Protein backbone atom coordinates (compact mmCIF):
# COMPACT_ATOMS: atom_id res chain seq x y z
CA MET A 1 127.23 122.25 88.78
CA LYS A 2 129.23 119.85 86.70
CA TRP A 3 132.98 120.46 86.52
CA HIS A 4 134.65 119.86 83.16
CA PRO A 5 138.37 119.26 82.61
CA GLY A 6 140.02 122.32 81.11
CA ASN A 7 142.11 120.38 78.57
CA SER A 8 144.34 123.43 78.63
CA SER A 9 147.83 124.36 79.78
CA GLN A 10 146.28 127.19 81.84
CA ILE A 11 142.78 126.09 82.89
CA GLU A 12 142.49 122.98 85.03
CA ALA A 13 138.69 122.85 85.24
CA TYR A 14 135.55 124.90 84.72
CA ALA A 15 131.85 124.76 85.53
CA TYR A 16 128.79 126.82 84.62
CA ASP A 17 125.79 127.79 86.71
CA PRO A 18 123.08 128.72 84.19
CA GLN A 19 120.65 130.10 86.77
CA ALA A 20 123.22 132.49 88.24
CA GLN A 21 124.93 132.95 84.85
CA GLU A 22 128.32 132.32 86.46
CA LEU A 23 131.34 130.69 84.88
CA HIS A 24 133.58 129.09 87.51
CA MET A 25 137.21 128.48 86.57
CA ARG A 26 140.20 126.93 88.27
CA PHE A 27 143.66 127.54 86.91
CA TYR A 28 146.74 125.42 87.49
CA VAL A 29 148.77 126.45 90.54
CA LYS A 30 152.08 125.30 91.99
CA PRO A 31 151.84 122.19 94.18
CA GLY A 32 151.08 123.06 97.78
CA LYS A 33 149.47 126.41 96.94
CA PRO A 34 145.75 126.97 97.53
CA GLN A 35 143.70 126.82 94.34
CA PRO A 36 141.19 129.64 94.10
CA THR A 37 138.09 129.52 91.95
CA TYR A 38 137.46 132.53 89.75
CA VAL A 39 133.75 133.20 89.32
CA TYR A 40 132.88 135.33 86.28
CA LYS A 41 129.49 136.96 86.66
CA GLY A 42 126.89 137.70 83.98
CA VAL A 43 128.18 135.10 81.52
CA GLY A 44 125.20 134.18 79.36
CA PRO A 45 124.52 130.67 78.07
CA GLU A 46 125.64 131.57 74.53
CA ARG A 47 129.02 132.83 75.76
CA PHE A 48 129.45 129.69 77.88
CA ALA A 49 128.55 127.48 74.92
CA ASP A 50 131.19 129.26 72.81
CA PHE A 51 133.77 128.76 75.57
CA HIS A 52 132.79 125.12 76.12
CA VAL A 53 133.39 124.18 72.47
CA ALA A 54 136.43 126.42 71.90
CA PRO A 55 139.46 124.43 70.74
CA SER A 56 141.68 126.56 73.01
CA LYS A 57 140.01 127.34 76.32
CA GLY A 58 142.94 129.52 77.46
CA SER A 59 142.87 131.67 74.32
CA HIS A 60 139.09 131.98 74.41
CA HIS A 61 139.24 133.01 78.07
CA HIS A 62 141.92 135.61 77.35
CA VAL A 63 140.10 137.15 74.36
CA HIS A 64 136.41 136.87 75.31
CA ILE A 65 136.07 136.54 79.10
CA LYS A 66 139.03 138.07 80.95
CA GLY A 67 138.46 141.81 81.16
CA SER A 68 134.90 141.53 79.82
CA TYR A 69 133.17 140.23 82.96
CA GLU A 70 133.38 141.08 86.64
CA PHE A 71 134.83 138.25 88.67
CA GLU A 72 135.22 137.14 92.25
CA LYS A 73 138.22 135.18 93.49
CA ARG A 74 137.08 132.54 95.96
CA MET A 75 139.65 130.75 98.06
CA PRO A 76 139.00 127.08 98.79
CA GLU A 77 137.72 125.91 102.12
CA GLU A 78 140.17 123.72 103.96
CA GLY A 79 139.97 120.15 102.66
CA ALA A 80 137.80 121.09 99.67
CA THR A 81 138.35 119.27 96.37
CA LEU A 82 136.88 119.44 92.88
């Protein structure tokens, strides 16, 4: 998966797994706090394409993804980076 910068005040980075149809997102956290990855399941390629080109990733997430897809919160492994 290729991680993309979020270019957002809320979303630090995101990636898409087309085979699994999963949208992976990392939000900004306070320094020193672990940064979980939120994995939204069942996100089709069209929805990802809409998100990818949205001028406001945070607004698009809030309106079209959050609350519309099941997600899993994955905590980082020790020493893991983007």
